[in-house]
Protein backbone atom coordinates (compact mmCIF):
# COMPACT_ATOMS: atom_id res chain seq x y z
CA MET A 1 145.66 -166.31 -138.34
CA CYS A 2 144.47 -169.79 -137.65
CA LYS A 3 141.06 -169.67 -136.05
CA GLU A 4 142.41 -173.33 -133.17
CA GLN A 5 145.80 -170.83 -133.29
CA PHE A 6 144.99 -170.25 -129.96
CA ASP A 7 142.88 -173.00 -128.34
CA ASP A 8 145.05 -174.69 -125.58
CA LEU A 9 145.89 -171.40 -124.39
CA GLU A 10 144.25 -170.84 -120.94
CA GLY A 11 141.97 -168.02 -118.81
CA TYR A 12 139.77 -167.04 -116.47
CA CYS A 13 136.34 -167.07 -116.98
CA ARG A 14 135.15 -164.44 -114.73
CA GLN A 15 131.27 -166.29 -115.44
CA LEU A 16 131.74 -169.78 -114.09
CA GLY A 17 134.55 -167.99 -112.19
CA HIS A 18 137.22 -171.02 -113.24
CA THR A 19 140.14 -171.87 -116.12
CA ILE A 20 139.11 -172.94 -118.80
CA PRO A 21 140.69 -173.25 -122.72
CA PHE A 22 140.31 -170.29 -125.08
CA LYS A 23 138.80 -172.95 -127.30
CA TYR A 24 135.62 -172.70 -125.54
CA CYS A 25 135.33 -169.44 -125.79
CA ARG A 26 136.00 -169.17 -129.23
CA THR A 27 132.95 -171.77 -129.69
CA GLN A 28 130.67 -171.01 -126.93
CA GLN A 29 127.79 -170.68 -128.68
CA ASN A 30 127.10 -173.13 -131.08
CA GLY A 31 129.97 -171.43 -132.61
CA ILE A 32 130.21 -167.78 -132.34
CA PRO A 33 132.74 -166.52 -129.33
CA CYS A 34 131.83 -165.56 -125.97
CA SER A 35 130.65 -161.19 -125.97
CA LYS A 36 133.51 -161.72 -123.23
CA LEU A 37 135.90 -162.96 -125.60
CA ARG A 38 138.13 -159.48 -126.27
CA ASP A 39 137.76 -158.16 -122.43
CA CYS A 40 139.08 -161.64 -121.41
CA TYR A 41 142.37 -162.15 -124.18
CA PHE A 42 143.02 -158.58 -125.21
CA GLU A 43 146.65 -158.74 -122.79
CA ARG A 44 147.45 -162.33 -123.45
CA ILE A 45 146.85 -162.64 -128.02
CA PRO A 46 146.58 -159.81 -130.71
CA ILE A 47 142.54 -160.14 -129.94
CA GLN A 48 140.97 -158.39 -132.19
CA ASP A 49 142.90 -159.05 -134.72
CA PHE A 50 142.00 -162.39 -134.31
CA ILE A 51 138.23 -162.19 -134.05
CA ASP A 52 138.26 -159.67 -137.44
CA ASN A 53 140.20 -161.79 -139.51
CA ASN A 54 138.77 -165.35 -138.43
CA PHE A 55 134.90 -164.77 -137.69
CA SER A 56 132.22 -162.61 -140.33
CA ALA A 57 130.29 -159.31 -140.44
CA GLU A 58 127.47 -160.67 -139.18
CA GLU A 59 129.06 -163.70 -136.71
CA LYS A 60 130.96 -160.37 -135.12
CA HIS A 61 127.78 -159.05 -134.38
CA ALA A 62 126.00 -162.40 -132.95
CA MET A 63 129.12 -161.76 -130.88
CA VAL A 64 127.54 -159.01 -129.39
CA SER A 65 124.13 -158.38 -129.45
CA VAL A 66 122.43 -159.40 -126.49
CA ARG A 67 121.31 -162.68 -125.11
CA PRO A 68 118.77 -163.25 -122.65
CA PRO A 69 119.63 -163.93 -119.27
CA LYS A 70 120.61 -167.37 -117.88
CA LEU A 71 117.76 -168.20 -116.49
CA GLN A 72 115.13 -167.13 -119.46
CA SER A 73 117.08 -169.59 -120.90
CA ILE A 74 117.32 -171.85 -118.86
CA LEU A 75 113.33 -171.68 -118.22
CA GLU A 76 112.99 -172.02 -121.41
CA LEU A 77 114.41 -175.49 -122.63
CA ILE A 78 112.53 -176.82 -119.12
CA GLU A 79 109.26 -175.88 -121.64
CA LYS A 80 110.06 -177.23 -124.75
CA ALA A 81 110.89 -180.92 -123.14
CA LYS A 82 108.16 -180.81 -121.52
CA LYS A 83 106.18 -179.79 -125.11
CA GLN A 84 108.36 -182.80 -127.21
CA SER A 85 107.48 -184.96 -124.66
CA GLY A 86 104.08 -184.24 -124.20
CA ASN A 87 104.45 -184.84 -120.65
CA ASN A 88 103.54 -181.53 -118.07
CA ARG A 89 104.62 -183.08 -115.33
CA LEU A 90 108.45 -182.30 -115.47
C-alpha cells in the first residue's frame, strides 16, 4: 500500500468545515497526518493498515501528540515574524 494510493479521495473535514483531498489530511503537519485521519476515514478505507504500512513509530506518535491550540500557534508565528523583521509594529 503506497502513500499516494488514496490521495484523490475526498472527504469532509470537520476541522476546516469543507471537503478536502486525502492528500491534505495525510500531509497536514509537514508530512505527518492529521490527528483525525483515523476518525474521518475508518469507514472508507483500511486506514489503520495504511498508517501502519506508511509511517514510522515516531511519525505515528507525532500524529497523536497534543498540538498547541491554533490561536497560540498564530500568535507565536506573529512574534517570530516581528523578531525577524526587527519591527514591533506588525
